[in-house]
Amino acid sequence: MGLSKLPMSKLPALKVLAMLALAVSVSACSMFRSKHDTIDNMPVDALYDNAHASMVNADYAAASKAYQRLIARFPSGEYNEQAQLDLAYSQYKDNQPDDALSTVNRFIKTYPTNKHVDYAYYLRGLINFDRTSGVIERYIGRGGSEARRDQGYNLQAFDDFSELSRRFPDSAYTADARQRMIYLRNVLAQFEINVAEFYLRNKAYIAAADRSQYVIEHYQQAPQAGDALAILSRSYLALDQKALADQSRQVLALNYPNHPYLTDAKWPHAPSTLRKLVPFSGHH
């Protein structure tokens, strides 16, 4: 007796069942695999995509962790180089400036010819540029308090941006770096003026003159150069050096004809007691 044949009308139904079974099997395998795909076993391209997605979504802690794992698992290659640069940025955005600075310095030293090394120099400047900002200032913007802080990081940021401008004058980041250098120059000059005013109010006239002279010599293009000339003139008058005082006043009148000292011999005035009690008011 021969094998019985299935009716033709039932074949399409069996095909559908077979396809459903295959789809369920593939789906189950996919689910099983995705549950076990972690940063410890992902291939390099998937791991980089995972880290990059976290960075784009502003989850900088997760991005940093994934980039660090990629660098450890794949110690060479294009993905490794880009991961190091992205790691520095993620650490910077995650408010980890020491780690970010260490990472970007290592990148610059290890890959001096990388096509994105100009960005590394720019990022190094940004890290130092933001290190002097307090938590409140990050939300309300930089104000007069910036010129009352220690200027070490601002000086370093200025040098970082200057090196970028010198090494890569045609970089896409150089124009912004130069604008930041102008801002930093003015902040540094204002810091010196603040100190000079303090010395002037406390009758330390030689120290006030020295600080003012420093501004004139190092920050000639800063708007604070006019204040420096005025304080220098007042200091010389107090030191009974009338000829030098007159000379400073003449230079001031020639370059800053609208400066308040020219019509108010007691400029700068000491801040009021009330103003001293107001945070971020710019008193010294």
Protein backbone atom coordinates (compact mmCIF):
# COMPACT_ATOMS: atom_id res chain seq x y z
CA MET A 1 0.00 0.00 0.00
CA GLY A 2 1.49 3.29 -1.04
CA LEU A 3 1.99 6.36 1.10
CA SER A 4 -1.14 8.42 1.28
CA LYS A 5 -0.83 11.96 -0.13
CA LEU A 6 -1.97 15.03 1.75
CA PRO A 7 -4.87 16.85 0.17
CA MET A 8 -3.66 19.84 -1.86
CA SER A 9 -6.05 22.14 -0.05
CA LYS A 10 -4.13 21.69 3.25
CA LEU A 11 -0.63 22.59 1.88
CA PRO A 12 -0.95 26.39 2.10
CA ALA A 13 -1.98 26.12 5.75
CA LEU A 14 1.03 23.97 6.56
CA LYS A 15 3.32 26.47 4.80
CA VAL A 16 1.93 29.27 6.93
CA LEU A 17 2.47 27.26 10.11
CA ALA A 18 6.04 26.47 9.08
CA MET A 19 6.79 30.13 8.39
CA LEU A 20 5.31 31.17 11.75
CA ALA A 21 7.42 28.57 13.55
CA LEU A 22 10.56 29.83 11.79
CA ALA A 23 9.75 33.46 12.64
CA VAL A 24 9.20 32.60 16.31
CA SER A 25 12.48 30.70 16.36
CA VAL A 26 14.42 33.60 14.82
CA SER A 27 12.76 36.09 17.15
CA ALA A 28 13.59 33.95 20.15
CA CYS A 29 17.21 33.71 19.07
CA SER A 30 17.34 37.47 18.52
CA MET A 31 15.85 38.16 21.94
CA PHE A 32 18.25 35.74 23.56
CA ARG A 33 21.22 37.32 21.80
CA SER A 34 20.19 40.94 22.58
CA LYS A 35 19.79 40.15 26.25
CA HIS A 36 23.36 38.97 26.35
CA ASP A 37 24.93 41.69 24.15
CA THR A 38 26.80 43.92 26.61
CA ILE A 39 29.73 46.29 26.40
CA ASP A 40 31.88 43.32 27.41
CA ASN A 41 31.09 41.24 24.32
CA MET A 42 29.73 43.58 21.63
CA PRO A 43 31.75 43.82 18.42
CA VAL A 44 33.70 47.06 18.11
CA ASP A 45 31.29 48.81 15.74
CA ALA A 46 28.25 48.01 17.88
CA LEU A 47 30.08 49.05 21.03
CA TYR A 48 31.07 52.37 19.49
CA ASP A 49 27.49 52.97 18.33
CA ASN A 50 26.27 52.21 21.85
CA ALA A 51 28.69 54.70 23.40
CA HIS A 52 27.96 57.34 20.78
CA ALA A 53 24.20 57.00 21.28
CA SER A 54 24.65 57.56 25.03
CA MET A 55 26.75 60.66 24.33
CA VAL A 56 24.20 62.08 21.89
CA ASN A 57 21.46 61.50 24.48
CA ALA A 58 23.54 63.39 27.09
CA ASP A 59 24.05 60.28 29.23
CA TYR A 60 27.72 61.13 29.61
CA ALA A 61 28.42 58.72 32.46
CA ALA A 62 27.18 55.76 30.40
CA ALA A 63 29.04 57.04 27.35
CA SER A 64 32.29 57.32 29.30
CA LYS A 65 31.90 53.79 30.62
CA ALA A 66 31.27 52.35 27.15
CA TYR A 67 34.14 54.30 25.56
CA GLN A 68 36.52 53.13 28.30
CA ARG A 69 35.46 49.53 27.72
CA LEU A 70 36.01 49.89 23.97
CA ILE A 71 39.48 51.33 24.50
CA ALA A 72 40.37 48.46 26.84
CA ARG A 73 38.98 45.71 24.60
CA PHE A 74 40.21 47.11 21.27
CA PRO A 75 43.55 48.84 22.04
CA SER A 76 44.26 49.91 18.47
CA GLY A 77 42.51 50.99 15.33
CA GLU A 78 40.34 53.82 14.10
CA TYR A 79 37.53 53.13 16.56
CA ASN A 80 39.99 53.28 19.46
CA GLU A 81 41.34 56.68 18.42
CA GLN A 82 37.89 58.20 17.97
CA ALA A 83 36.72 56.65 21.23
CA GLN A 84 39.54 58.36 23.14
CA LEU A 85 38.55 61.75 21.75
CA ASP A 86 34.86 61.12 22.46
CA LEU A 87 35.73 59.91 25.94
CA ALA A 88 37.49 63.19 26.70
CA TYR A 89 34.42 65.12 25.57
CA SER A 90 32.06 62.92 27.61
CA GLN A 91 34.18 63.36 30.73
CA TYR A 92 34.26 67.11 30.16
CA LYS A 93 30.47 67.28 29.84
CA ASP A 94 30.10 65.00 32.87
CA ASN A 95 32.00 67.57 34.96
CA GLN A 96 35.10 65.41 35.32
CA PRO A 97 37.73 67.97 34.23
CA ASP A 98 40.76 66.17 35.64
CA ASP A 99 39.87 62.93 33.86
CA ALA A 100 38.99 64.81 30.67
CA LEU A 101 42.27 66.71 30.70
CA SER A 102 44.25 63.52 31.26
CA THR A 103 42.44 61.78 28.39
CA VAL A 104 42.84 64.62 25.90
CA ASN A 105 46.52 65.14 26.77
CA ARG A 106 47.14 61.43 26.23
CA PHE A 107 45.38 61.63 22.86
CA ILE A 108 47.48 64.60 21.74
CA LYS A 109 50.69 62.87 22.80
CA THR A 110 49.78 59.50 21.25
CA TYR A 111 48.18 60.68 18.01
CA PRO A 112 49.82 64.00 17.05
CA THR A 113 48.96 63.48 13.37
CA ASN A 114 45.34 62.42 13.84
CA LYS A 115 43.03 64.33 11.51
CA HIS A 116 41.03 65.57 14.51
CA VAL A 117 43.96 66.58 16.71
CA ASP A 118 43.07 70.27 16.25
CA TYR A 119 39.79 69.54 18.03
CA ALA A 120 41.77 67.91 20.84
CA TYR A 121 43.71 71.16 21.37
CA TYR A 122 40.45 73.11 21.29
CA LEU A 123 38.80 70.74 23.79
CA ARG A 124 41.78 71.09 26.12
CA GLY A 125 41.25 74.84 26.08
CA LEU A 126 37.54 74.43 26.80
CA ILE A 127 38.22 72.17 29.77
CA ASN A 128 40.48 74.76 31.40
CA PHE A 129 38.21 77.62 30.28
CA ASP A 130 35.31 76.16 32.29
CA ARG A 131 37.27 75.02 35.34
CA THR A 132 36.97 78.39 37.12
CA SER A 133 33.16 78.52 36.83
CA GLY A 134 31.15 77.71 39.93
CA VAL A 135 27.86 75.80 39.88
CA ILE A 136 25.76 78.98 40.09
CA GLU A 137 27.76 80.72 37.36
CA ARG A 138 27.12 77.85 34.97
CA TYR A 139 23.43 78.67 35.07
CA ILE A 140 23.47 82.47 35.34
CA GLY A 141 26.51 83.10 33.16
CA ARG A 142 29.94 84.45 33.95
CA GLY A 143 29.97 87.75 35.79
CA GLY A 144 32.26 90.02 37.74
CA SER A 145 33.10 87.21 40.13
CA GLU A 146 35.17 85.60 37.36
CA ALA A 147 37.75 88.36 37.70
CA ARG A 148 38.02 87.79 41.45
CA ARG A 149 39.01 84.11 41.27
CA ASP A 150 42.45 82.60 40.99
CA GLN A 151 43.47 83.03 37.36
CA GLY A 152 45.62 79.92 36.93
CA TYR A 153 43.13 78.03 34.78
CA ASN A 154 42.31 81.11 32.72
CA LEU A 155 46.00 81.58 31.99
CA GLN A 156 46.27 77.91 31.00
CA ALA A 157 43.17 78.14 28.78
CA PHE A 158 44.62 81.23 27.10
CA ASP A 159 47.83 79.29 26.38
CA ASP A 160 45.83 76.30 25.08
CA PHE A 161 43.82 78.41 22.65
CA SER A 162 46.95 80.27 21.64
CA GLU A 163 48.69 76.99 20.79
CA LEU A 164 45.69 75.90 18.71
CA SER A 165 45.77 79.19 16.80
CA ARG A 166 49.50 78.89 16.21
CA ARG A 167 49.53 75.23 15.14
CA PHE A 168 46.28 75.21 13.18
CA PRO A 169 45.52 78.74 11.95
CA ASP A 170 43.01 77.40 9.40
CA SER A 171 41.18 75.05 11.76
CA ALA A 172 37.41 75.31 12.04
CA TYR A 173 37.89 75.84 15.79
CA THR A 174 40.47 78.63 15.61
CA ALA A 175 38.05 81.54 15.14
CA ASP A 176 36.14 80.61 18.31
CA ALA A 177 39.41 80.04 20.17
CA ARG A 178 40.58 83.56 19.30
CA GLN A 179 37.33 85.06 20.55
CA ARG A 180 37.78 83.20 23.82
CA MET A 181 41.34 84.51 24.03
CA ILE A 182 40.02 88.08 23.82
CA TYR A 183 37.56 87.35 26.59
CA LEU A 184 40.27 85.74 28.73
CA ARG A 185 42.64 88.64 28.11
CA ASN A 186 40.01 91.05 29.43
CA VAL A 187 39.29 88.87 32.46
CA LEU A 188 42.98 88.64 33.28
CA ALA A 189 43.37 92.39 32.88
CA GLN A 190 40.36 93.04 35.13
CA PHE A 191 41.82 90.79 37.78
CA GLU A 192 44.98 92.91 37.82
CA ILE A 193 42.90 96.10 38.01
CA ASN A 194 40.91 94.71 40.94
CA VAL A 195 44.15 94.04 42.81
CA ALA A 196 45.55 97.47 41.89
CA GLU A 197 42.39 99.15 43.21
CA PHE A 198 42.69 97.20 46.44
CA TYR A 199 46.27 98.39 46.89
CA LEU A 200 45.27 101.95 46.04
CA ARG A 201 42.48 102.01 48.65
CA ASN A 202 44.89 100.63 51.23
CA LYS A 203 47.55 103.24 50.35
CA ALA A 204 50.00 100.65 49.00
CA TYR A 205 50.83 102.99 46.15
CA ILE A 206 53.97 101.29 44.86
CA ALA A 207 52.13 97.97 44.62
CA ALA A 208 49.18 99.68 42.90
CA ALA A 209 51.53 101.30 40.39
CA ASP A 210 53.27 97.99 39.71
CA ARG A 211 49.97 96.21 39.00
CA SER A 212 48.81 99.02 36.74
CA GLN A 213 52.08 99.02 34.85
CA TYR A 214 51.74 95.25 34.35
CA VAL A 215 48.33 95.73 32.70
CA ILE A 216 49.71 98.43 30.40
CA GLU A 217 52.65 96.25 29.36
CA HIS A 218 50.82 92.90 28.95
CA TYR A 219 47.22 93.79 28.08
CA GLN A 220 47.54 96.90 25.94
CA GLN A 221 44.53 95.97 23.80
CA ALA A 222 42.25 95.31 26.77
CA PRO A 223 39.71 98.01 27.66
CA GLN A 224 41.10 97.93 31.21
CA ALA A 225 44.27 99.67 29.99
CA GLY A 226 42.52 102.99 30.57
CA ASP A 227 41.79 102.08 34.20
CA ALA A 228 45.42 101.08 34.59
CA LEU A 229 46.61 104.50 33.39
CA ALA A 230 44.22 106.25 35.79
CA ILE A 231 45.37 104.20 38.80
CA LEU A 232 48.98 104.72 37.76
CA SER A 233 48.46 108.49 37.68
CA ARG A 234 46.81 108.49 41.11
CA SER A 235 49.56 106.30 42.54
CA TYR A 236 52.29 108.59 41.21
CA LEU A 237 50.52 111.63 42.71
CA ALA A 238 50.37 109.89 46.08
CA LEU A 239 54.08 109.08 45.78
CA ASP A 240 54.83 112.74 44.99
CA GLN A 241 55.91 111.89 41.44
CA LYS A 242 53.98 114.68 39.72
CA ALA A 243 55.83 114.52 36.40
CA LEU A 244 55.10 110.80 36.02
CA ALA A 245 51.51 111.35 37.14
CA ASP A 246 51.01 114.08 34.52
CA GLN A 247 52.56 111.89 31.84
CA SER A 248 50.20 109.00 32.66
CA ARG A 249 47.22 111.37 32.66
CA GLN A 250 48.18 112.75 29.26
CA VAL A 251 48.41 109.27 27.77
CA LEU A 252 45.03 108.47 29.30
CA ALA A 253 43.44 111.62 27.84
CA LEU A 254 44.88 110.86 24.42
CA ASN A 255 43.67 107.25 24.28
CA TYR A 256 40.59 107.31 26.53
CA PRO A 257 39.23 110.88 26.41
CA ASN A 258 35.97 109.90 28.13
CA HIS A 259 37.53 108.07 31.08
CA PRO A 260 35.86 109.13 34.39
CA TYR A 261 39.20 109.85 36.08
CA LEU A 262 39.69 112.85 33.79
CA THR A 263 36.72 114.60 35.43
CA ASP A 264 36.81 112.90 38.83
CA ALA A 265 40.18 112.94 40.56
CA LYS A 266 38.93 110.52 43.24
CA TRP A 267 38.12 107.74 40.77
CA PRO A 268 37.95 104.80 41.45
CA HIS A 269 35.59 105.09 44.41
CA ALA A 270 35.46 102.43 47.09
CA PRO A 271 32.38 100.16 46.88
CA SER A 272 29.60 100.97 49.34
CA THR A 273 29.07 98.81 52.41
CA LEU A 274 25.69 97.70 51.04
CA ARG A 275 27.24 96.67 47.73
CA LYS A 276 29.80 94.54 49.54
CA LEU A 277 26.96 92.50 51.00
CA VAL A 278 25.44 91.70 47.59
CA PRO A 279 26.78 88.46 46.04
CA PHE A 280 28.23 88.72 42.52
CA SER A 281 28.03 92.52 42.62
CA GLY A 282 31.59 92.90 41.38
CA HIS A 283 33.09 94.38 44.57
CA HIS A 284 36.63 93.38 45.42
